[in-house]
Amino acid sequence: MERHEIGRITHFYSKIGVAIIQLDDLLKVGDRIAVVGSTTDLEQDVKSIQVEHQNIDQAKAGDLVGLKVQDKVREGDTVFRLS
């Protein structure tokens, strides 16, 4: 699978399993992503995206979005879209 960098993790809320991502590219519900860092290696499908607690179908470069993740991620981890 090809990986295209789309952003970085800026914060992780461990109690609710939500990562905050600063996007550098488009992200849509249904995309498959990978989160990679020194101790992180996670792949999952995007089931929902939120901006300011509102569900949206897609987000663009420059957006700061919340995303439910299946496992722990860390600040500074890189987010890739898989294709």
PDB file of N, CA and C in Angstrom:
ATOM      1  N   MET A   1       0.829  -1.198   0.000  1.00  0.00           N
ATOM      2  CA  MET A   1       0.000   0.000   0.000  1.00  0.00           C
ATOM      3  C   MET A   1       0.865   1.250   0.000  1.00  0.00           C
ATOM      4  N   GLU A   2       0.433   2.224  -0.758  1.00  0.00           N
ATOM      5  CA  GLU A   2       1.157   3.494  -0.825  1.00  0.00           C
ATOM      6  C   GLU A   2       0.717   4.400   0.315  1.00  0.00           C
ATOM      7  N   ARG A   3       1.687   5.110   0.919  1.00  0.00           N
ATOM      8  CA  ARG A   3       1.388   6.032   2.030  1.00  0.00           C
ATOM      9  C   ARG A   3       1.649   7.464   1.601  1.00  0.00           C
ATOM     10  N   HIS A   4       0.707   8.344   1.970  1.00  0.00           N
ATOM     11  CA  HIS A   4       0.830   9.766   1.673  1.00  0.00           C
ATOM     12  C   HIS A   4       0.644  10.526   2.986  1.00  0.00           C
ATOM     13  N   GLU A   5       1.660  11.287   3.395  1.00  0.00           N
ATOM     14  CA  GLU A   5       1.589  12.013   4.672  1.00  0.00           C
ATOM     15  C   GLU A   5       0.511  13.088   4.613  1.00  0.00           C
ATOM     16  N   ILE A   6      -0.380  13.085   5.641  1.00  0.00           N
ATOM     17  CA  ILE A   6      -1.468  14.066   5.649  1.00  0.00           C
ATOM     18  C   ILE A   6      -1.514  14.904   6.921  1.00  0.00           C
ATOM     19  N   GLY A   7      -0.668  14.607   7.913  1.00  0.00           N
ATOM     20  CA  GLY A   7      -0.700  15.430   9.112  1.00  0.00           C
ATOM     21  C   GLY A   7       0.076  14.845  10.271  1.00  0.00           C
ATOM     22  N   ARG A   8      -0.067  15.514  11.445  1.00  0.00           N
ATOM     23  CA  ARG A   8       0.620  15.105  12.665  1.00  0.00           C
ATOM     24  C   ARG A   8      -0.334  15.134  13.844  1.00  0.00           C
ATOM     25  N   ILE A   9      -0.096  14.242  14.794  1.00  0.00           N
ATOM     26  CA  ILE A   9      -0.867  14.223  16.036  1.00  0.00           C
ATOM     27  C   ILE A   9      -0.376  15.378  16.914  1.00  0.00           C
ATOM     28  N   THR A  10      -1.313  16.216  17.377  1.00  0.00           N
ATOM     29  CA  THR A  10      -0.931  17.320  18.264  1.00  0.00           C
ATOM     30  C   THR A  10      -1.327  17.036  19.709  1.00  0.00           C
ATOM     31  N   HIS A  11      -2.320  16.144  19.902  1.00  0.00           N
ATOM     32  CA  HIS A  11      -2.747  15.792  21.263  1.00  0.00           C
ATOM     33  C   HIS A  11      -3.494  14.468  21.225  1.00  0.00           C
ATOM     34  N   PHE A  12      -3.473  13.745  22.354  1.00  0.00           N
ATOM     35  CA  PHE A  12      -4.219  12.497  22.470  1.00  0.00           C
ATOM     36  C   PHE A  12      -4.953  12.478  23.801  1.00  0.00           C
ATOM     37  N   TYR A  13      -6.263  12.291  23.742  1.00  0.00           N
ATOM     38  CA  TYR A  13      -7.091  12.173  24.939  1.00  0.00           C
ATOM     39  C   TYR A  13      -7.273  10.687  25.231  1.00  0.00           C
ATOM     40  N   SER A  14      -6.477  10.162  26.160  1.00  0.00           N
ATOM     41  CA  SER A  14      -6.444   8.720  26.399  1.00  0.00           C
ATOM     42  C   SER A  14      -7.746   8.175  26.971  1.00  0.00           C
ATOM     43  N   LYS A  15      -8.427   8.937  27.811  1.00  0.00           N
ATOM     44  CA  LYS A  15      -9.664   8.432  28.435  1.00  0.00           C
ATOM     45  C   LYS A  15     -10.767   8.178  27.415  1.00  0.00           C
ATOM     46  N   ILE A  16     -10.823   8.992  26.350  1.00  0.00           N
ATOM     47  CA  ILE A  16     -11.871   8.816  25.340  1.00  0.00           C
ATOM     48  C   ILE A  16     -11.327   8.280  24.018  1.00  0.00           C
ATOM     49  N   GLY A  17     -10.010   8.094  23.918  1.00  0.00           N
ATOM     50  CA  GLY A  17      -9.403   7.520  22.722  1.00  0.00           C
ATOM     51  C   GLY A  17      -9.526   8.393  21.495  1.00  0.00           C
ATOM     52  N   VAL A  18      -9.341   9.708  21.675  1.00  0.00           N
ATOM     53  CA  VAL A  18      -9.455  10.651  20.563  1.00  0.00           C
ATOM     54  C   VAL A  18      -8.114  11.343  20.326  1.00  0.00           C
ATOM     55  N   ALA A  19      -7.699  11.334  19.057  1.00  0.00           N
ATOM     56  CA  ALA A  19      -6.471  12.015  18.640  1.00  0.00           C
ATOM     57  C   ALA A  19      -6.844  13.322  17.960  1.00  0.00           C
ATOM     58  N   ILE A  20      -6.066  14.376  18.230  1.00  0.00           N
ATOM     59  CA  ILE A  20      -6.220  15.653  17.538  1.00  0.00           C
ATOM     60  C   ILE A  20      -5.124  15.711  16.472  1.00  0.00           C
ATOM     61  N   ILE A  21      -5.536  15.967  15.235  1.00  0.00           N
ATOM     62  CA  ILE A  21      -4.612  15.937  14.102  1.00  0.00           C
ATOM     63  C   ILE A  21      -4.605  17.289  13.409  1.00  0.00           C
ATOM     64  N   GLN A  22      -3.404  17.835  13.190  1.00  0.00           N
ATOM     65  CA  GLN A  22      -3.218  19.037  12.366  1.00  0.00           C
ATOM     66  C   GLN A  22      -3.009  18.542  10.940  1.00  0.00           C
ATOM     67  N   LEU A  23      -3.964  18.823  10.059  1.00  0.00           N
ATOM     68  CA  LEU A  23      -3.919  18.281   8.698  1.00  0.00           C
ATOM     69  C   LEU A  23      -3.090  19.140   7.752  1.00  0.00           C
ATOM     70  N   ASP A  24      -2.346  18.453   6.878  1.00  0.00           N
ATOM     71  CA  ASP A  24      -1.606  19.088   5.793  1.00  0.00           C
ATOM     72  C   ASP A  24      -2.226  18.752   4.440  1.00  0.00           C
ATOM     73  N   ASP A  25      -3.278  17.924   4.452  1.00  0.00           N
ATOM     74  CA  ASP A  25      -3.922  17.467   3.219  1.00  0.00           C
ATOM     75  C   ASP A  25      -5.347  17.041   3.547  1.00  0.00           C
ATOM     76  N   LEU A  26      -6.108  16.685   2.533  1.00  0.00           N
ATOM     77  CA  LEU A  26      -7.498  16.287   2.660  1.00  0.00           C
ATOM     78  C   LEU A  26      -7.636  14.956   3.407  1.00  0.00           C
ATOM     79  N   LEU A  27      -8.661  14.853   4.266  1.00  0.00           N
ATOM     80  CA  LEU A  27      -9.004  13.612   4.958  1.00  0.00           C
ATOM     81  C   LEU A  27     -10.517  13.461   4.900  1.00  0.00           C
ATOM     82  N   LYS A  28     -10.989  12.256   4.490  1.00  0.00           N
ATOM     83  CA  LYS A  28     -12.423  12.003   4.357  1.00  0.00           C
ATOM     84  C   LYS A  28     -12.823  10.783   5.181  1.00  0.00           C
ATOM     85  N   VAL A  29     -14.079  10.774   5.615  1.00  0.00           N
ATOM     86  CA  VAL A  29     -14.637   9.584   6.247  1.00  0.00           C
ATOM     87  C   VAL A  29     -14.556   8.448   5.225  1.00  0.00           C
ATOM     88  N   GLY A  30     -14.084   7.289   5.667  1.00  0.00           N
ATOM     89  CA  GLY A  30     -13.913   6.142   4.773  1.00  0.00           C
ATOM     90  C   GLY A  30     -12.470   5.930   4.350  1.00  0.00           C
ATOM     91  N   ASP A  31     -11.613   6.967   4.487  1.00  0.00           N
ATOM     92  CA  ASP A  31     -10.192   6.803   4.178  1.00  0.00           C
ATOM     93  C   ASP A  31      -9.563   5.797   5.138  1.00  0.00           C
ATOM     94  N   ARG A  32      -8.547   5.084   4.671  1.00  0.00           N
ATOM     95  CA  ARG A  32      -7.751   4.221   5.549  1.00  0.00           C
ATOM     96  C   ARG A  32      -6.482   5.001   5.883  1.00  0.00           C
ATOM     97  N   ILE A  33      -6.168   5.077   7.193  1.00  0.00           N
ATOM     98  CA  ILE A  33      -5.006   5.838   7.634  1.00  0.00           C
ATOM     99  C   ILE A  33      -4.048   4.951   8.419  1.00  0.00           C
ATOM    100  N   ALA A  34      -2.821   5.421   8.509  1.00  0.00           N
ATOM    101  CA  ALA A  34      -1.808   4.813   9.372  1.00  0.00           C
ATOM    102  C   ALA A  34      -1.236   5.925  10.239  1.00  0.00           C
ATOM    103  N   VAL A  35      -1.023   5.619  11.524  1.00  0.00           N
ATOM    104  CA  VAL A  35      -0.370   6.552  12.442  1.00  0.00           C
ATOM    105  C   VAL A  35       0.938   5.886  12.837  1.00  0.00           C
ATOM    106  N   VAL A  36       2.049   6.589  12.567  1.00  0.00           N
ATOM    107  CA  VAL A  36       3.370   6.002  12.753  1.00  0.00           C
ATOM    108  C   VAL A  36       4.243   6.934  13.584  1.00  0.00           C
ATOM    109  N   GLY A  37       4.920   6.357  14.560  1.00  0.00           N
ATOM    110  CA  GLY A  37       5.858   7.095  15.393  1.00  0.00           C
ATOM    111  C   GLY A  37       6.918   6.153  15.912  1.00  0.00           C
ATOM    112  N   SER A  38       7.739   6.620  16.833  1.00  0.00           N
ATOM    113  CA  SER A  38       8.830   5.787  17.338  1.00  0.00           C
ATOM    114  C   SER A  38       8.319   4.519  18.017  1.00  0.00           C
ATOM    115  N   THR A  39       7.165   4.591  18.689  1.00  0.00           N
ATOM    116  CA  THR A  39       6.582   3.401  19.320  1.00  0.00           C
ATOM    117  C   THR A  39       5.127   3.189  18.893  1.00  0.00           C
ATOM    118  N   THR A  40       4.702   3.866  17.843  1.00  0.00           N
ATOM    119  CA  THR A  40       3.326   3.762  17.366  1.00  0.00           C
ATOM    120  C   THR A  40       3.311   3.173  15.966  1.00  0.00           C
ATOM    121  N   ASP A  41       2.407   2.220  15.732  1.00  0.00           N
ATOM    122  CA  ASP A  41       2.195   1.650  14.400  1.00  0.00           C
ATOM    123  C   ASP A  41       0.753   1.167  14.345  1.00  0.00           C
ATOM    124  N   LEU A  42      -0.136   2.022  13.838  1.00  0.00           N
ATOM    125  CA  LEU A  42      -1.569   1.766  13.867  1.00  0.00           C
ATOM    126  C   LEU A  42      -2.154   1.997  12.486  1.00  0.00           C
ATOM    127  N   GLU A  43      -3.032   1.094  12.041  1.00  0.00           N
ATOM    128  CA  GLU A  43      -3.794   1.278  10.808  1.00  0.00           C
ATOM    129  C   GLU A  43      -5.267   1.143  11.136  1.00  0.00           C
ATOM    130  N   GLN A  44      -6.093   2.024  10.562  1.00  0.00           N
ATOM    131  CA  GLN A  44      -7.540   1.938  10.776  1.00  0.00           C
ATOM    132  C   GLN A  44      -8.274   2.731   9.710  1.00  0.00           C
ATOM    133  N   ASP A  45      -9.579   2.456   9.592  1.00  0.00           N
ATOM    134  CA  ASP A  45     -10.451   3.228   8.715  1.00  0.00           C
ATOM    135  C   ASP A  45     -10.998   4.412   9.498  1.00  0.00           C
ATOM    136  N   VAL A  46     -11.194   5.534   8.803  1.00  0.00           N
ATOM    137  CA  VAL A  46     -11.773   6.729   9.427  1.00  0.00           C
ATOM    138  C   VAL A  46     -13.287   6.572   9.431  1.00  0.00           C
ATOM    139  N   LYS A  47     -13.860   6.473  10.629  1.00  0.00           N
ATOM    140  CA  LYS A  47     -15.308   6.293  10.747  1.00  0.00           C
ATOM    141  C   LYS A  47     -16.034   7.614  10.971  1.00  0.00           C
ATOM    142  N   SER A  48     -15.359   8.578  11.597  1.00  0.00           N
ATOM    143  CA  SER A  48     -15.951   9.909  11.791  1.00  0.00           C
ATOM    144  C   SER A  48     -14.840  10.922  12.020  1.00  0.00           C
ATOM    145  N   ILE A  49     -15.123  12.155  11.662  1.00  0.00           N
ATOM    146  CA  ILE A  49     -14.199  13.280  11.851  1.00  0.00           C
ATOM    147  C   ILE A  49     -14.992  14.382  12.536  1.00  0.00           C
ATOM    148  N   GLN A  50     -14.378  15.040  13.512  1.00  0.00           N
ATOM    149  CA  GLN A  50     -15.044  16.157  14.176  1.00  0.00           C
ATOM    150  C   GLN A  50     -14.160  17.402  14.171  1.00  0.00           C
ATOM    151  N   VAL A  51     -14.829  18.548  14.004  1.00  0.00           N
ATOM    152  CA  VAL A  51     -14.210  19.858  14.161  1.00  0.00           C
ATOM    153  C   VAL A  51     -15.108  20.624  15.119  1.00  0.00           C
ATOM    154  N   GLU A  52     -14.544  21.083  16.233  1.00  0.00           N
ATOM    155  CA  GLU A  52     -15.319  21.808  17.252  1.00  0.00           C
ATOM    156  C   GLU A  52     -16.570  21.017  17.674  1.00  0.00           C
ATOM    157  N   HIS A  53     -16.412  19.723  17.889  1.00  0.00           N
ATOM    158  CA  HIS A  53     -17.478  18.818  18.350  1.00  0.00           C
ATOM    159  C   HIS A  53     -18.615  18.631  17.344  1.00  0.00           C
ATOM    160  N   GLN A  54     -18.385  18.991  16.079  1.00  0.00           N
ATOM    161  CA  GLN A  54     -19.382  18.788  15.029  1.00  0.00           C
ATOM    162  C   GLN A  54     -18.861  17.746  14.042  1.00  0.00           C
ATOM    163  N   ASN A  55     -19.697  16.733  13.726  1.00  0.00           N
ATOM    164  CA  ASN A  55     -19.300  15.723  12.742  1.00  0.00           C
ATOM    165  C   ASN A  55     -19.256  16.336  11.351  1.00  0.00           C
ATOM    166  N   ILE A  56     -18.212  15.997  10.604  1.00  0.00           N
ATOM    167  CA  ILE A  56     -18.080  16.445   9.221  1.00  0.00           C
ATOM    168  C   ILE A  56     -17.670  15.241   8.371  1.00  0.00           C
ATOM    169  N   ASP A  57     -17.879  15.337   7.043  1.00  0.00           N
ATOM    170  CA  ASP A  57     -17.546  14.239   6.138  1.00  0.00           C
ATOM    171  C   ASP A  57     -16.112  14.303   5.634  1.00  0.00           C
ATOM    172  N   GLN A  58     -15.567  15.516   5.566  1.00  0.00           N
ATOM    173  CA  GLN A  58     -14.179  15.663   5.127  1.00  0.00           C
ATOM    174  C   GLN A  58     -13.586  16.936   5.704  1.00  0.00           C
ATOM    175  N   ALA A  59     -12.255  16.919   5.818  1.00  0.00           N
ATOM    176  CA  ALA A  59     -11.522  18.078   6.332  1.00  0.00           C
ATOM    177  C   ALA A  59     -10.375  18.371   5.373  1.00  0.00           C
ATOM    178  N   LYS A  60      -9.956  19.631   5.362  1.00  0.00           N
ATOM    179  CA  LYS A  60      -8.922  20.058   4.410  1.00  0.00           C
ATOM    180  C   LYS A  60      -7.637  20.452   5.131  1.00  0.00           C
ATOM    181  N   ALA A  61      -6.606  20.701   4.350  1.00  0.00           N
ATOM    182  CA  ALA A  61      -5.321  21.136   4.893  1.00  0.00           C
ATOM    183  C   ALA A  61      -5.524  22.371   5.760  1.00  0.00           C
ATOM    184  N   GLY A  62      -4.861  22.389   6.915  1.00  0.00           N
ATOM    185  CA  GLY A  62      -4.966  23.508   7.836  1.00  0.00           C
ATOM    186  C   GLY A  62      -5.978  23.285   8.947  1.00  0.00           C
ATOM    187  N   ASP A  63      -6.883  22.298   8.759  1.00  0.00           N
ATOM    188  CA  ASP A  63      -7.884  22.007   9.786  1.00  0.00           C
ATOM    189  C   ASP A  63      -7.264  21.253  10.957  1.00  0.00           C
ATOM    190  N   LEU A  64      -7.809  21.479  12.129  1.00  0.00           N
ATOM    191  CA  LEU A  64      -7.448  20.755  13.342  1.00  0.00           C
ATOM    192  C   LEU A  64      -8.659  19.882  13.672  1.00  0.00           C
ATOM    193  N   VAL A  65      -8.502  18.559  13.544  1.00  0.00           N
ATOM    194  CA  VAL A  65      -9.651  17.663  13.657  1.00  0.00           C
ATOM    195  C   VAL A  65      -9.469  16.652  14.783  1.00  0.00           C
ATOM    196  N   GLY A  66     -10.594  16.161  15.282  1.00  0.00           N
ATOM    197  CA  GLY A  66     -10.597  15.089  16.260  1.00  0.00           C
ATOM    198  C   GLY A  66     -10.995  13.803  15.580  1.00  0.00           C
ATOM    199  N   LEU A  67     -10.316  12.713  15.958  1.00  0.00           N
ATOM    200  CA  LEU A  67     -10.534  11.422  15.321  1.00  0.00           C
ATOM    201  C   LEU A  67     -10.460  10.331  16.376  1.00  0.00           C
ATOM    202  N   LYS A  68     -11.469   9.484  16.445  1.00  0.00           N
ATOM    203  CA  LYS A  68     -11.459   8.347  17.364  1.00  0.00           C
ATOM    204  C   LYS A  68     -10.433   7.338  16.838  1.00  0.00           C
ATOM    205  N   VAL A  69      -9.517   6.902  17.715  1.00  0.00           N
ATOM    206  CA  VAL A  69      -8.497   5.939  17.307  1.00  0.00           C
ATOM    207  C   VAL A  69      -8.621   4.661  18.132  1.00  0.00           C
ATOM    208  N   GLN A  70      -8.162   3.550  17.555  1.00  0.00           N
ATOM    209  CA  GLN A  70      -8.317   2.233  18.159  1.00  0.00           C
ATOM    210  C   GLN A  70      -7.264   1.919  19.216  1.00  0.00           C
ATOM    211  N   ASP A  71      -6.187   2.677  19.232  1.00  0.00           N
ATOM    212  CA  ASP A  71      -5.091   2.407  20.154  1.00  0.00           C
ATOM    213  C   ASP A  71      -4.418   3.723  20.521  1.00  0.00           C
ATOM    214  N   LYS A  72      -3.507   3.645  21.478  1.00  0.00           N
ATOM    215  CA  LYS A  72      -2.798   4.849  21.931  1.00  0.00           C
ATOM    216  C   LYS A  72      -1.902   5.403  20.826  1.00  0.00           C
ATOM    217  N   VAL A  73      -1.941   6.723  20.651  1.00  0.00           N
ATOM    218  CA  VAL A  73      -1.026   7.438  19.756  1.00  0.00           C
ATOM    219  C   VAL A  73      -0.343   8.517  20.574  1.00  0.00           C
ATOM    220  N   ARG A  74       0.686   9.122  20.022  1.00  0.00           N
ATOM    221  CA  ARG A  74       1.469  10.094  20.770  1.00  0.00           C
ATOM    222  C   ARG A  74       1.638  11.398  19.986  1.00  0.00           C
ATOM    223  N   GLU A  75       1.793  12.492  20.727  1.00  0.00           N
ATOM    224  CA  GLU A  75       2.042  13.778  20.090  1.00  0.00           C
ATOM    225  C   GLU A  75       3.274  13.666  19.196  1.00  0.00           C
ATOM    226  N   GLY A  76       3.184  14.210  18.007  1.00  0.00           N
ATOM    227  CA  GLY A  76       4.305  14.180  17.075  1.00  0.00           C
ATOM    228  C   GLY A  76       4.264  13.007  16.109  1.00  0.00           C
ATOM    229  N   ASP A  77       3.392  12.005  16.364  1.00  0.00           N
ATOM    230  CA  ASP A  77       3.261  10.884  15.424  1.00  0.00           C
ATOM    231  C   ASP A  77       2.770  11.419  14.081  1.00  0.00           C
ATOM    232  N   THR A  78       3.194  10.766  13.005  1.00  0.00           N
ATOM    233  CA  THR A  78       2.805  11.159  11.655  1.00  0.00           C
ATOM    234  C   THR A  78       1.592  10.360  11.200  1.00  0.00           C
ATOM    235  N   VAL A  79       0.668  11.052  10.521  1.00  0.00           N
ATOM    236  CA  VAL A  79      -0.541  10.410  10.005  1.00  0.00           C
ATOM    237  C   VAL A  79      -0.431  10.319   8.492  1.00  0.00           C
ATOM    238  N   PHE A  80      -0.674   9.113   7.966  1.00  0.00           N
ATOM    239  CA  PHE A  80      -0.609   8.855   6.528  1.00  0.00           C
ATOM    240  C   PHE A  80      -1.964   8.369   6.032  1.00  0.00           C
ATOM    241  N   ARG A  81      -2.332   8.749   4.790  1.00  0.00           N
ATOM    242  CA  ARG A  81      -3.483   8.149   4.115  1.00  0.00           C
ATOM    243  C   ARG A  81      -2.944   6.981   3.291  1.00  0.00           C
ATOM    244  N   LEU A  82      -3.589   5.843   3.365  1.00  0.00           N
ATOM    245  CA  LEU A  82      -3.166   4.662   2.616  1.00  0.00           C
ATOM    246  C   LEU A  82      -4.010   4.524   1.346  1.00  0.00           C
ATOM    247  N   SER A  83      -3.348   4.122   0.264  1.00  0.00           N
ATOM    248  CA  SER A  83      -4.099   3.918  -0.989  1.00  0.00           C
ATOM    249  C   SER A  83      -3.545   2.722  -1.739  1.00  0.00           C
TER     250      SER A  83
END
